[in-house]
N, C-alpha and C. Protein backbone atom coordinates (compact mmCIF):
# COMPACT_ATOMS: atom_id res chain seq x y z
N MET A 1 -20.17 7.69 10.61
CA MET A 1 -18.94 7.53 9.85
C MET A 1 -18.49 8.82 9.18
N GLN A 2 -19.00 9.96 9.66
CA GLN A 2 -18.61 11.23 9.08
C GLN A 2 -17.11 11.47 9.21
N VAL A 3 -16.49 10.78 10.20
CA VAL A 3 -15.07 10.99 10.49
C VAL A 3 -14.21 10.58 9.31
N ARG A 4 -14.69 9.62 8.51
CA ARG A 4 -13.87 9.00 7.47
C ARG A 4 -13.29 10.02 6.50
N THR A 5 -14.13 10.91 5.97
CA THR A 5 -13.65 11.88 4.99
C THR A 5 -12.63 12.83 5.60
N GLU A 6 -12.87 13.27 6.81
CA GLU A 6 -11.95 14.19 7.47
C GLU A 6 -10.58 13.56 7.64
N LYS A 7 -10.54 12.31 8.10
CA LYS A 7 -9.26 11.65 8.34
C LYS A 7 -8.49 11.41 7.05
N LEU A 8 -9.19 11.10 5.96
CA LEU A 8 -8.52 10.78 4.71
C LEU A 8 -8.01 12.03 3.99
N GLU A 9 -8.38 13.20 4.47
CA GLU A 9 -7.88 14.42 3.84
C GLU A 9 -6.36 14.53 3.97
N ASN A 10 -5.79 13.86 4.96
CA ASN A 10 -4.34 13.91 5.15
C ASN A 10 -3.58 13.10 4.10
N PHE A 11 -4.29 12.20 3.41
CA PHE A 11 -3.60 11.28 2.51
C PHE A 11 -3.29 11.90 1.16
N ALA A 12 -2.11 11.54 0.64
CA ALA A 12 -1.73 11.96 -0.70
C ALA A 12 -2.21 10.94 -1.73
N VAL A 13 -2.30 9.67 -1.32
CA VAL A 13 -2.76 8.62 -2.23
C VAL A 13 -4.27 8.78 -2.45
N PRO A 14 -4.77 8.32 -3.58
CA PRO A 14 -6.21 8.43 -3.86
C PRO A 14 -7.06 7.73 -2.79
N GLU A 15 -8.13 8.38 -2.40
CA GLU A 15 -8.99 7.86 -1.34
C GLU A 15 -9.61 6.51 -1.70
N ASN A 16 -9.82 6.26 -3.00
CA ASN A 16 -10.53 5.04 -3.40
C ASN A 16 -9.70 3.77 -3.24
N ILE A 17 -8.41 3.88 -2.91
CA ILE A 17 -7.63 2.66 -2.69
C ILE A 17 -7.39 2.40 -1.20
N ILE A 18 -8.02 3.22 -0.35
CA ILE A 18 -7.87 3.06 1.10
C ILE A 18 -9.16 2.53 1.71
N THR A 19 -9.05 1.54 2.58
CA THR A 19 -10.20 0.95 3.26
C THR A 19 -10.11 1.28 4.75
N SER A 20 -11.23 1.66 5.34
CA SER A 20 -11.28 2.00 6.76
C SER A 20 -11.87 0.86 7.57
N HIS A 21 -11.32 0.65 8.77
CA HIS A 21 -11.81 -0.39 9.67
C HIS A 21 -12.09 0.26 11.03
N TYR A 22 -13.28 -0.01 11.56
CA TYR A 22 -13.74 0.64 12.78
C TYR A 22 -13.78 -0.37 13.94
N CYS A 23 -12.62 -0.83 14.35
CA CYS A 23 -12.53 -1.82 15.44
C CYS A 23 -11.32 -1.51 16.31
N GLU A 24 -11.54 -1.35 17.60
CA GLU A 24 -10.41 -1.15 18.51
C GLU A 24 -9.61 -2.44 18.66
N LYS A 25 -10.28 -3.58 18.47
CA LYS A 25 -9.61 -4.88 18.47
C LYS A 25 -10.15 -5.65 17.27
N LEU A 26 -9.29 -5.95 16.30
CA LEU A 26 -9.73 -6.62 15.09
C LEU A 26 -10.15 -8.06 15.39
N PRO A 27 -11.25 -8.52 14.83
CA PRO A 27 -11.72 -9.87 15.12
C PRO A 27 -10.79 -10.94 14.57
N SER A 28 -10.83 -12.11 15.19
CA SER A 28 -10.04 -13.25 14.71
C SER A 28 -10.42 -13.54 13.26
N GLY A 29 -9.42 -13.83 12.44
CA GLY A 29 -9.68 -14.09 11.03
C GLY A 29 -9.60 -12.86 10.15
N PHE A 30 -9.22 -11.72 10.74
CA PHE A 30 -9.13 -10.48 9.97
C PHE A 30 -8.14 -10.60 8.82
N THR A 31 -7.01 -11.27 9.05
CA THR A 31 -5.99 -11.39 8.00
C THR A 31 -6.53 -12.13 6.78
N GLY A 32 -7.26 -13.22 7.03
CA GLY A 32 -7.84 -13.97 5.92
C GLY A 32 -8.91 -13.16 5.21
N HIS A 33 -9.70 -12.44 5.97
CA HIS A 33 -10.75 -11.58 5.42
C HIS A 33 -10.16 -10.57 4.45
N LEU A 34 -9.06 -9.93 4.86
CA LEU A 34 -8.44 -8.91 4.03
C LEU A 34 -7.77 -9.52 2.80
N SER A 35 -7.09 -10.65 2.99
CA SER A 35 -6.39 -11.32 1.90
C SER A 35 -7.34 -11.76 0.78
N LYS A 36 -8.59 -12.05 1.17
CA LYS A 36 -9.60 -12.49 0.19
C LYS A 36 -10.37 -11.32 -0.41
N GLY A 37 -9.91 -10.11 -0.14
CA GLY A 37 -10.55 -8.93 -0.72
C GLY A 37 -11.74 -8.43 0.06
N GLY A 38 -11.82 -8.79 1.35
CA GLY A 38 -12.94 -8.36 2.18
C GLY A 38 -12.98 -6.86 2.37
N LYS A 39 -14.19 -6.36 2.62
CA LYS A 39 -14.39 -4.93 2.81
C LYS A 39 -14.01 -4.50 4.22
N GLY A 40 -14.15 -3.21 4.48
CA GLY A 40 -13.84 -2.67 5.80
C GLY A 40 -14.72 -3.30 6.87
N ILE A 41 -14.15 -3.50 8.05
CA ILE A 41 -14.87 -4.10 9.17
C ILE A 41 -15.34 -3.01 10.12
N VAL A 42 -16.59 -3.11 10.52
CA VAL A 42 -17.18 -2.12 11.41
C VAL A 42 -17.63 -2.81 12.69
N CYS A 43 -16.91 -2.57 13.78
CA CYS A 43 -17.31 -3.08 15.09
C CYS A 43 -18.10 -2.01 15.85
N ASN A 44 -17.65 -0.77 15.70
CA ASN A 44 -18.31 0.34 16.38
C ASN A 44 -18.33 1.55 15.44
N PRO A 45 -19.43 1.71 14.68
CA PRO A 45 -19.50 2.79 13.68
C PRO A 45 -19.52 4.19 14.28
N ILE A 46 -19.80 4.30 15.58
CA ILE A 46 -19.86 5.61 16.22
C ILE A 46 -18.46 6.21 16.36
N GLN A 47 -17.49 5.35 16.62
CA GLN A 47 -16.11 5.82 16.77
C GLN A 47 -15.45 5.99 15.40
N GLY A 48 -14.35 6.73 15.37
CA GLY A 48 -13.62 6.91 14.14
C GLY A 48 -12.85 5.66 13.77
N PRO A 49 -12.28 5.60 12.57
CA PRO A 49 -11.54 4.41 12.14
C PRO A 49 -10.31 4.17 13.02
N ALA A 50 -10.03 2.89 13.27
CA ALA A 50 -8.87 2.49 14.07
C ALA A 50 -7.72 2.03 13.18
N LEU A 51 -8.02 1.76 11.90
CA LEU A 51 -7.00 1.26 10.99
C LEU A 51 -7.41 1.56 9.55
N PHE A 52 -6.42 1.99 8.75
CA PHE A 52 -6.59 2.11 7.31
C PHE A 52 -5.77 1.01 6.65
N THR A 53 -6.31 0.38 5.62
CA THR A 53 -5.54 -0.61 4.87
C THR A 53 -5.55 -0.25 3.39
N ALA A 54 -4.53 -0.70 2.69
CA ALA A 54 -4.45 -0.47 1.25
C ALA A 54 -3.68 -1.62 0.60
N HIS A 55 -4.13 -2.02 -0.58
CA HIS A 55 -3.43 -3.07 -1.33
C HIS A 55 -2.16 -2.47 -1.90
N LEU A 56 -1.02 -3.00 -1.51
CA LEU A 56 0.26 -2.41 -1.85
C LEU A 56 0.47 -2.20 -3.35
N PRO A 57 0.10 -3.15 -4.22
CA PRO A 57 0.28 -2.91 -5.67
C PRO A 57 -0.44 -1.65 -6.15
N ASN A 58 -1.61 -1.36 -5.57
CA ASN A 58 -2.34 -0.14 -5.97
C ASN A 58 -1.58 1.11 -5.53
N VAL A 59 -1.00 1.04 -4.32
CA VAL A 59 -0.21 2.17 -3.82
C VAL A 59 1.03 2.36 -4.69
N LEU A 60 1.66 1.26 -5.08
CA LEU A 60 2.87 1.34 -5.89
C LEU A 60 2.57 1.82 -7.31
N ASP A 61 1.42 1.44 -7.84
CA ASP A 61 1.02 1.97 -9.14
C ASP A 61 0.89 3.49 -9.07
N TRP A 62 0.34 3.97 -7.95
CA TRP A 62 0.22 5.41 -7.74
C TRP A 62 1.60 6.04 -7.62
N LEU A 63 2.49 5.41 -6.84
CA LEU A 63 3.84 5.93 -6.67
C LEU A 63 4.58 6.02 -7.99
N HIS A 64 4.44 4.97 -8.82
CA HIS A 64 5.16 4.94 -10.09
C HIS A 64 4.58 5.92 -11.11
N GLY A 65 3.42 6.47 -10.80
CA GLY A 65 2.86 7.50 -11.67
C GLY A 65 3.38 8.89 -11.34
N LEU A 66 4.18 8.99 -10.28
CA LEU A 66 4.76 10.26 -9.87
C LEU A 66 6.17 10.42 -10.43
N GLU A 67 6.65 11.64 -10.47
CA GLU A 67 8.01 11.87 -10.95
C GLU A 67 9.05 11.32 -9.99
N LYS A 68 8.72 11.38 -8.70
CA LYS A 68 9.61 10.83 -7.68
C LYS A 68 8.76 10.33 -6.52
N PRO A 69 9.23 9.32 -5.79
CA PRO A 69 8.42 8.77 -4.69
C PRO A 69 8.18 9.79 -3.60
N ARG A 70 7.04 9.69 -2.95
CA ARG A 70 6.70 10.60 -1.86
C ARG A 70 5.93 9.84 -0.80
N SER A 71 5.71 10.49 0.35
CA SER A 71 4.99 9.86 1.45
C SER A 71 3.52 9.65 1.09
N MET A 72 2.91 8.67 1.77
CA MET A 72 1.49 8.42 1.56
C MET A 72 0.63 9.53 2.12
N GLU A 73 1.10 10.19 3.18
CA GLU A 73 0.32 11.22 3.85
C GLU A 73 1.01 12.57 3.76
N ASN A 74 0.22 13.60 3.49
CA ASN A 74 0.76 14.96 3.48
C ASN A 74 1.14 15.39 4.89
N GLU A 75 0.28 15.04 5.84
CA GLU A 75 0.53 15.26 7.26
C GLU A 75 0.22 13.97 7.99
N LEU A 76 1.10 13.57 8.92
CA LEU A 76 0.90 12.31 9.62
C LEU A 76 -0.35 12.38 10.50
N CYS A 77 -1.23 11.40 10.35
CA CYS A 77 -2.38 11.30 11.23
C CYS A 77 -2.13 10.16 12.21
N ASP A 78 -2.89 10.11 13.28
CA ASP A 78 -2.61 9.13 14.33
C ASP A 78 -3.24 7.77 14.08
N ILE A 79 -3.88 7.59 12.93
CA ILE A 79 -4.49 6.30 12.61
C ILE A 79 -3.49 5.44 11.85
N PRO A 80 -3.25 4.20 12.32
CA PRO A 80 -2.28 3.31 11.66
C PRO A 80 -2.69 2.98 10.22
N VAL A 81 -1.69 2.71 9.40
CA VAL A 81 -1.90 2.30 8.01
C VAL A 81 -1.23 0.96 7.79
N LEU A 82 -1.94 0.04 7.16
CA LEU A 82 -1.38 -1.28 6.86
C LEU A 82 -1.40 -1.50 5.36
N LEU A 83 -0.24 -1.80 4.79
CA LEU A 83 -0.10 -2.06 3.36
C LEU A 83 0.20 -3.55 3.16
N TYR A 84 -0.54 -4.21 2.30
CA TYR A 84 -0.32 -5.64 2.08
C TYR A 84 -0.29 -5.92 0.58
N ASP A 85 0.46 -6.94 0.20
CA ASP A 85 0.64 -7.26 -1.21
C ASP A 85 -0.19 -8.50 -1.58
N LYS A 86 0.47 -9.64 -1.74
CA LYS A 86 -0.23 -10.86 -2.17
C LYS A 86 -1.26 -11.30 -1.14
N GLU A 87 -0.89 -11.21 0.13
CA GLU A 87 -1.78 -11.59 1.21
C GLU A 87 -1.32 -10.89 2.48
N LEU A 88 -2.20 -10.89 3.47
CA LEU A 88 -1.82 -10.38 4.79
C LEU A 88 -1.64 -11.57 5.71
N SER A 89 -0.44 -11.71 6.24
CA SER A 89 -0.14 -12.82 7.15
C SER A 89 0.57 -12.29 8.38
N THR A 90 0.20 -12.81 9.54
CA THR A 90 0.88 -12.44 10.79
C THR A 90 1.76 -13.59 11.27
N GLU A 91 2.14 -14.47 10.36
CA GLU A 91 2.94 -15.63 10.72
C GLU A 91 4.28 -15.24 11.33
N SER A 92 4.95 -14.24 10.73
CA SER A 92 6.27 -13.83 11.19
C SER A 92 6.34 -12.30 11.27
N LEU A 93 6.31 -11.79 12.50
CA LEU A 93 6.28 -10.35 12.73
C LEU A 93 7.68 -9.80 12.98
N LEU A 94 7.96 -8.60 12.44
CA LEU A 94 9.22 -7.92 12.71
C LEU A 94 8.90 -6.55 13.29
N PHE A 95 9.27 -6.34 14.56
CA PHE A 95 9.01 -5.09 15.25
C PHE A 95 10.25 -4.21 15.22
N HIS A 96 10.09 -2.99 14.76
CA HIS A 96 11.17 -2.01 14.75
C HIS A 96 11.01 -1.13 15.99
N TYR A 97 11.82 -1.41 17.00
CA TYR A 97 11.80 -0.61 18.22
C TYR A 97 13.06 0.27 18.22
N ASP A 98 12.87 1.59 18.16
CA ASP A 98 14.03 2.48 18.05
C ASP A 98 14.39 3.16 19.37
N GLY A 99 13.76 2.74 20.45
CA GLY A 99 14.10 3.29 21.75
C GLY A 99 13.35 4.55 22.13
N THR A 100 12.45 5.02 21.28
CA THR A 100 11.70 6.23 21.58
C THR A 100 10.33 5.88 22.17
N PRO A 101 9.73 6.80 22.93
CA PRO A 101 8.38 6.57 23.46
C PRO A 101 7.36 6.30 22.35
N ALA A 102 7.53 6.98 21.21
CA ALA A 102 6.61 6.79 20.09
C ALA A 102 6.68 5.36 19.57
N SER A 103 7.89 4.82 19.50
CA SER A 103 8.07 3.44 19.03
C SER A 103 7.41 2.45 19.98
N ALA A 104 7.59 2.67 21.28
CA ALA A 104 6.97 1.80 22.28
C ALA A 104 5.45 1.89 22.20
N LYS A 105 4.94 3.11 22.02
CA LYS A 105 3.50 3.33 21.94
C LYS A 105 2.89 2.60 20.75
N LEU A 106 3.54 2.69 19.59
CA LEU A 106 2.95 2.07 18.40
C LEU A 106 2.97 0.55 18.49
N ILE A 107 3.98 -0.02 19.16
CA ILE A 107 4.02 -1.47 19.32
C ILE A 107 2.90 -1.91 20.26
N ARG A 108 2.70 -1.18 21.35
CA ARG A 108 1.59 -1.50 22.26
C ARG A 108 0.26 -1.41 21.53
N ARG A 109 0.14 -0.39 20.71
CA ARG A 109 -1.11 -0.19 19.97
C ARG A 109 -1.34 -1.33 18.98
N PHE A 110 -0.29 -1.76 18.31
CA PHE A 110 -0.41 -2.88 17.37
C PHE A 110 -0.84 -4.15 18.10
N LEU A 111 -0.22 -4.43 19.24
CA LEU A 111 -0.55 -5.64 20.00
C LEU A 111 -2.01 -5.64 20.43
N ALA A 112 -2.52 -4.48 20.83
CA ALA A 112 -3.92 -4.39 21.24
C ALA A 112 -4.86 -4.58 20.05
N LEU A 113 -4.51 -3.97 18.93
CA LEU A 113 -5.36 -4.03 17.74
C LEU A 113 -5.41 -5.43 17.13
N PHE A 114 -4.26 -6.12 17.10
CA PHE A 114 -4.16 -7.42 16.43
C PHE A 114 -4.11 -8.60 17.41
N SER A 115 -4.46 -8.38 18.66
CA SER A 115 -4.31 -9.42 19.69
C SER A 115 -4.97 -10.74 19.32
N GLU A 116 -6.09 -10.71 18.61
CA GLU A 116 -6.80 -11.94 18.26
C GLU A 116 -6.21 -12.62 17.02
N ASN A 117 -5.25 -11.98 16.39
CA ASN A 117 -4.70 -12.50 15.14
C ASN A 117 -3.21 -12.85 15.20
N ILE A 118 -2.58 -12.68 16.37
CA ILE A 118 -1.13 -12.93 16.47
C ILE A 118 -0.76 -13.94 17.54
N LYS A 119 -1.73 -14.67 18.05
CA LYS A 119 -1.45 -15.62 19.14
C LYS A 119 -0.52 -16.74 18.71
N GLU A 120 -0.53 -17.09 17.44
CA GLU A 120 0.34 -18.15 16.92
C GLU A 120 1.52 -17.60 16.14
N SER A 121 1.76 -16.31 16.25
CA SER A 121 2.81 -15.66 15.46
C SER A 121 4.20 -15.87 16.06
N LYS A 122 5.19 -15.82 15.18
CA LYS A 122 6.60 -15.77 15.58
C LYS A 122 7.02 -14.30 15.45
N ALA A 123 7.57 -13.73 16.52
CA ALA A 123 7.91 -12.31 16.51
C ALA A 123 9.40 -12.08 16.72
N THR A 124 9.93 -11.08 16.02
CA THR A 124 11.31 -10.63 16.20
C THR A 124 11.30 -9.14 16.49
N ILE A 125 12.00 -8.73 17.54
CA ILE A 125 12.13 -7.32 17.88
C ILE A 125 13.56 -6.89 17.61
N ILE A 126 13.73 -5.85 16.82
CA ILE A 126 15.07 -5.31 16.56
C ILE A 126 15.16 -3.93 17.20
N SER A 127 16.16 -3.74 18.05
CA SER A 127 16.37 -2.44 18.71
C SER A 127 17.82 -2.02 18.52
N PRO A 128 18.14 -0.75 18.79
CA PRO A 128 19.52 -0.27 18.64
C PRO A 128 20.47 -1.01 19.58
N CYS A 129 21.74 -1.09 19.18
CA CYS A 129 22.74 -1.79 20.00
C CYS A 129 22.92 -1.12 21.35
N PHE A 130 22.85 0.20 21.35
CA PHE A 130 23.02 0.90 22.63
C PHE A 130 21.68 1.42 23.11
N THR A 131 21.29 1.03 24.30
CA THR A 131 20.05 1.52 24.92
C THR A 131 20.42 2.21 26.23
N PRO A 132 20.11 3.50 26.37
CA PRO A 132 20.40 4.20 27.63
C PRO A 132 19.72 3.51 28.81
N LYS A 133 20.34 3.63 29.97
CA LYS A 133 19.78 2.99 31.17
C LYS A 133 18.35 3.44 31.42
N SER A 134 18.07 4.69 31.07
CA SER A 134 16.73 5.23 31.30
C SER A 134 15.67 4.56 30.44
N LYS A 135 16.12 3.88 29.38
CA LYS A 135 15.19 3.25 28.46
C LYS A 135 15.12 1.73 28.63
N LEU A 136 15.97 1.18 29.47
CA LEU A 136 16.02 -0.28 29.61
C LEU A 136 14.71 -0.86 30.13
N LYS A 137 14.09 -0.18 31.08
CA LYS A 137 12.84 -0.67 31.64
C LYS A 137 11.76 -0.73 30.57
N GLU A 138 11.67 0.31 29.75
CA GLU A 138 10.68 0.34 28.68
C GLU A 138 10.96 -0.75 27.66
N GLU A 139 12.24 -0.94 27.33
CA GLU A 139 12.62 -1.97 26.38
C GLU A 139 12.21 -3.36 26.88
N GLN A 140 12.46 -3.62 28.15
CA GLN A 140 12.08 -4.91 28.74
C GLN A 140 10.56 -5.08 28.76
N GLU A 141 9.85 -3.99 28.98
CA GLU A 141 8.39 -4.05 28.99
C GLU A 141 7.86 -4.43 27.60
N ILE A 142 8.45 -3.85 26.57
CA ILE A 142 8.03 -4.15 25.20
C ILE A 142 8.29 -5.63 24.88
N ILE A 143 9.46 -6.11 25.27
CA ILE A 143 9.78 -7.53 25.04
C ILE A 143 8.76 -8.42 25.75
N HIS A 144 8.43 -8.06 26.98
CA HIS A 144 7.48 -8.84 27.78
C HIS A 144 6.10 -8.85 27.13
N LEU A 145 5.64 -7.69 26.67
CA LEU A 145 4.32 -7.59 26.06
C LEU A 145 4.23 -8.40 24.76
N VAL A 146 5.28 -8.31 23.94
CA VAL A 146 5.29 -9.07 22.69
C VAL A 146 5.33 -10.58 22.99
N THR A 147 6.11 -10.95 23.99
CA THR A 147 6.20 -12.37 24.38
C THR A 147 4.85 -12.91 24.83
N LEU A 148 4.12 -12.12 25.58
CA LEU A 148 2.80 -12.54 26.05
C LEU A 148 1.79 -12.65 24.90
N ALA A 149 1.95 -11.80 23.89
CA ALA A 149 0.96 -11.72 22.82
C ALA A 149 1.17 -12.73 21.70
N THR A 150 2.40 -13.25 21.59
CA THR A 150 2.73 -14.13 20.46
C THR A 150 3.21 -15.50 20.95
N ALA A 151 3.37 -16.41 20.01
CA ALA A 151 3.77 -17.78 20.36
C ALA A 151 5.28 -17.90 20.59
N GLU A 152 6.05 -17.07 19.90
CA GLU A 152 7.51 -17.14 20.00
C GLU A 152 8.10 -15.76 19.75
N THR A 153 9.05 -15.36 20.59
CA THR A 153 9.62 -14.01 20.46
C THR A 153 11.15 -14.05 20.52
N SER A 154 11.78 -13.34 19.59
CA SER A 154 13.24 -13.18 19.58
C SER A 154 13.56 -11.70 19.70
N PHE A 155 14.68 -11.41 20.34
CA PHE A 155 15.09 -10.02 20.53
C PHE A 155 16.52 -9.87 20.03
N ILE A 156 16.72 -8.93 19.10
CA ILE A 156 18.03 -8.73 18.46
C ILE A 156 18.41 -7.26 18.52
N LYS A 157 19.69 -7.00 18.71
CA LYS A 157 20.19 -5.62 18.68
C LYS A 157 21.06 -5.43 17.43
N PHE A 158 20.62 -4.52 16.56
CA PHE A 158 21.36 -4.15 15.36
C PHE A 158 21.39 -2.63 15.28
N ASN A 159 22.46 -2.10 14.73
CA ASN A 159 22.54 -0.66 14.52
C ASN A 159 21.97 -0.29 13.15
N PHE A 160 20.74 -0.70 12.90
CA PHE A 160 20.08 -0.30 11.67
C PHE A 160 19.67 1.17 11.77
N THR A 161 19.98 1.94 10.75
CA THR A 161 19.64 3.36 10.77
C THR A 161 18.68 3.74 9.65
N ARG A 162 18.47 2.83 8.71
CA ARG A 162 17.59 3.12 7.56
C ARG A 162 16.48 2.08 7.50
N ILE A 163 15.34 2.50 6.99
CA ILE A 163 14.23 1.57 6.87
C ILE A 163 14.57 0.47 5.86
N GLY A 164 15.47 0.79 4.93
CA GLY A 164 15.90 -0.21 3.96
C GLY A 164 16.59 -1.40 4.63
N ASP A 165 17.27 -1.14 5.76
CA ASP A 165 17.91 -2.22 6.50
C ASP A 165 16.87 -3.20 7.05
N PHE A 166 15.78 -2.64 7.57
CA PHE A 166 14.71 -3.48 8.11
C PHE A 166 13.99 -4.24 7.00
N TRP A 167 13.78 -3.54 5.89
CA TRP A 167 13.13 -4.19 4.75
C TRP A 167 13.98 -5.36 4.25
N SER A 168 15.29 -5.12 4.12
CA SER A 168 16.20 -6.16 3.65
C SER A 168 16.21 -7.36 4.61
N TYR A 169 16.26 -7.07 5.93
CA TYR A 169 16.23 -8.15 6.93
C TYR A 169 14.93 -8.94 6.82
N ALA A 170 13.81 -8.23 6.68
CA ALA A 170 12.50 -8.88 6.59
C ALA A 170 12.42 -9.78 5.36
N VAL A 171 12.94 -9.31 4.24
CA VAL A 171 12.91 -10.11 3.01
C VAL A 171 13.78 -11.36 3.15
N LYS A 172 15.00 -11.18 3.65
CA LYS A 172 15.93 -12.31 3.77
C LYS A 172 15.44 -13.36 4.75
N ASN A 173 14.72 -12.93 5.79
CA ASN A 173 14.25 -13.85 6.82
C ASN A 173 12.77 -14.22 6.69
N LYS A 174 12.20 -13.88 5.54
CA LYS A 174 10.82 -14.26 5.22
C LYS A 174 9.82 -13.78 6.28
N CYS A 175 10.03 -12.57 6.80
CA CYS A 175 9.05 -12.00 7.71
C CYS A 175 7.81 -11.61 6.89
N THR A 176 6.66 -11.61 7.51
CA THR A 176 5.44 -11.32 6.77
C THR A 176 4.80 -9.98 7.13
N LEU A 177 5.25 -9.35 8.22
CA LEU A 177 4.69 -8.05 8.60
C LEU A 177 5.72 -7.23 9.36
N LEU A 178 6.08 -6.08 8.82
CA LEU A 178 7.02 -5.16 9.47
C LEU A 178 6.23 -4.06 10.16
N VAL A 179 6.45 -3.91 11.46
CA VAL A 179 5.78 -2.90 12.26
C VAL A 179 6.77 -1.77 12.54
N THR A 180 6.47 -0.57 12.04
CA THR A 180 7.42 0.53 12.17
C THR A 180 6.68 1.87 12.26
N ASN A 181 7.46 2.94 12.42
CA ASN A 181 6.91 4.28 12.64
C ASN A 181 6.62 4.99 11.31
N LYS A 182 5.56 5.78 11.30
CA LYS A 182 5.21 6.53 10.09
C LYS A 182 6.29 7.54 9.70
N ASN A 183 7.14 7.92 10.63
CA ASN A 183 8.20 8.87 10.30
C ASN A 183 9.16 8.30 9.25
N TYR A 184 9.14 7.00 9.06
CA TYR A 184 10.02 6.36 8.07
C TYR A 184 9.32 6.13 6.74
N GLN A 185 8.08 6.61 6.59
CA GLN A 185 7.32 6.24 5.41
C GLN A 185 7.89 6.82 4.12
N ALA A 186 8.52 8.01 4.18
CA ALA A 186 9.11 8.58 2.97
C ALA A 186 10.25 7.70 2.48
N ASP A 187 11.10 7.22 3.41
CA ASP A 187 12.20 6.34 3.04
C ASP A 187 11.67 4.99 2.57
N LEU A 188 10.60 4.51 3.21
CA LEU A 188 10.01 3.25 2.78
C LEU A 188 9.46 3.36 1.37
N ALA A 189 8.84 4.48 1.06
CA ALA A 189 8.31 4.70 -0.28
C ALA A 189 9.42 4.62 -1.33
N LYS A 190 10.60 5.16 -1.01
CA LYS A 190 11.73 5.10 -1.94
C LYS A 190 12.19 3.66 -2.15
N VAL A 191 12.25 2.90 -1.05
CA VAL A 191 12.66 1.50 -1.15
C VAL A 191 11.68 0.72 -2.01
N LEU A 192 10.39 0.88 -1.73
CA LEU A 192 9.37 0.16 -2.49
C LEU A 192 9.37 0.59 -3.95
N PHE A 193 9.55 1.88 -4.19
CA PHE A 193 9.56 2.44 -5.54
C PHE A 193 10.66 1.80 -6.39
N HIS A 194 11.84 1.63 -5.79
CA HIS A 194 12.99 1.16 -6.55
C HIS A 194 13.09 -0.36 -6.64
N PHE A 195 12.52 -1.08 -5.66
CA PHE A 195 12.69 -2.52 -5.64
C PHE A 195 11.45 -3.31 -6.03
N TYR A 196 10.34 -2.64 -6.27
CA TYR A 196 9.09 -3.34 -6.60
C TYR A 196 9.28 -4.26 -7.81
N LYS A 197 8.91 -5.53 -7.60
CA LYS A 197 9.00 -6.57 -8.62
C LYS A 197 10.42 -6.89 -9.05
N GLY A 198 11.40 -6.43 -8.27
CA GLY A 198 12.79 -6.76 -8.57
C GLY A 198 13.17 -8.11 -8.01
N GLY A 199 14.47 -8.43 -8.11
CA GLY A 199 14.94 -9.74 -7.67
C GLY A 199 14.75 -10.01 -6.20
N MET A 200 14.76 -8.94 -5.36
CA MET A 200 14.62 -9.12 -3.92
C MET A 200 13.18 -8.98 -3.43
N TRP A 201 12.26 -8.70 -4.33
CA TRP A 201 10.89 -8.44 -3.91
C TRP A 201 10.26 -9.67 -3.26
N TYR A 202 9.57 -9.46 -2.14
CA TYR A 202 8.91 -10.55 -1.41
C TYR A 202 7.45 -10.16 -1.23
N ASP A 203 6.56 -10.79 -1.99
CA ASP A 203 5.17 -10.33 -2.05
C ASP A 203 4.32 -10.80 -0.87
N LYS A 204 4.94 -11.47 0.12
CA LYS A 204 4.21 -11.84 1.32
C LYS A 204 4.50 -10.89 2.49
N LEU A 205 5.30 -9.85 2.21
CA LEU A 205 5.66 -8.90 3.26
C LEU A 205 4.69 -7.72 3.27
N SER A 206 4.09 -7.46 4.42
CA SER A 206 3.19 -6.33 4.62
C SER A 206 3.83 -5.32 5.55
N PHE A 207 3.25 -4.12 5.62
CA PHE A 207 3.84 -3.03 6.41
C PHE A 207 2.76 -2.36 7.26
N TYR A 208 3.03 -2.26 8.56
CA TYR A 208 2.14 -1.57 9.48
C TYR A 208 2.86 -0.30 9.93
N LEU A 209 2.27 0.85 9.62
CA LEU A 209 2.89 2.15 9.94
C LEU A 209 1.99 2.92 10.89
N SER A 210 2.59 3.43 11.97
CA SER A 210 1.81 4.19 12.94
C SER A 210 2.70 5.24 13.59
N VAL A 211 2.10 6.09 14.42
CA VAL A 211 2.86 7.11 15.13
C VAL A 211 2.86 6.80 16.61
């Protein structure tokens, strides 16, 4: 587990609020384990961590101690980060597909990592209104993969350009997990910083960020 310290050097948030999980495929019941305050899961200690998790209120306490909101990581690392508040639930997933190879990659990675925990999930994929012909095949592949992995899948085209749009949609539609790219984490930090515990706050919404 020597890898743990090296990987966490990229983080701006305090290391003691981040938990590492060493599983290429998270075991069934992982969401309940985490919601009950369970420790990091180790399936293969020889490999590096496959997922970092953090309790969102602790991250927000850290954010509110700063003069202005900032990203969780000084430099983006390739290990996904999952932030959860009251509980972690995969009941209603919201996938942010922006038409880029990175977006497709992170969705595939999420499906592989959480495959044992999303079989009964309801999923919604939001993509840009205009998709170039060169990207249509990839878009259809993502829809197909999500459909195979979950119990119910919806596909919507919106011209959302800000992470706040996705957050607002997730809150209004009671989604429980937003899957998006780490490149949006600075904007997400601003949204969370300004809306935490406000009238629109939804404490069952978690965030999965990856590259």
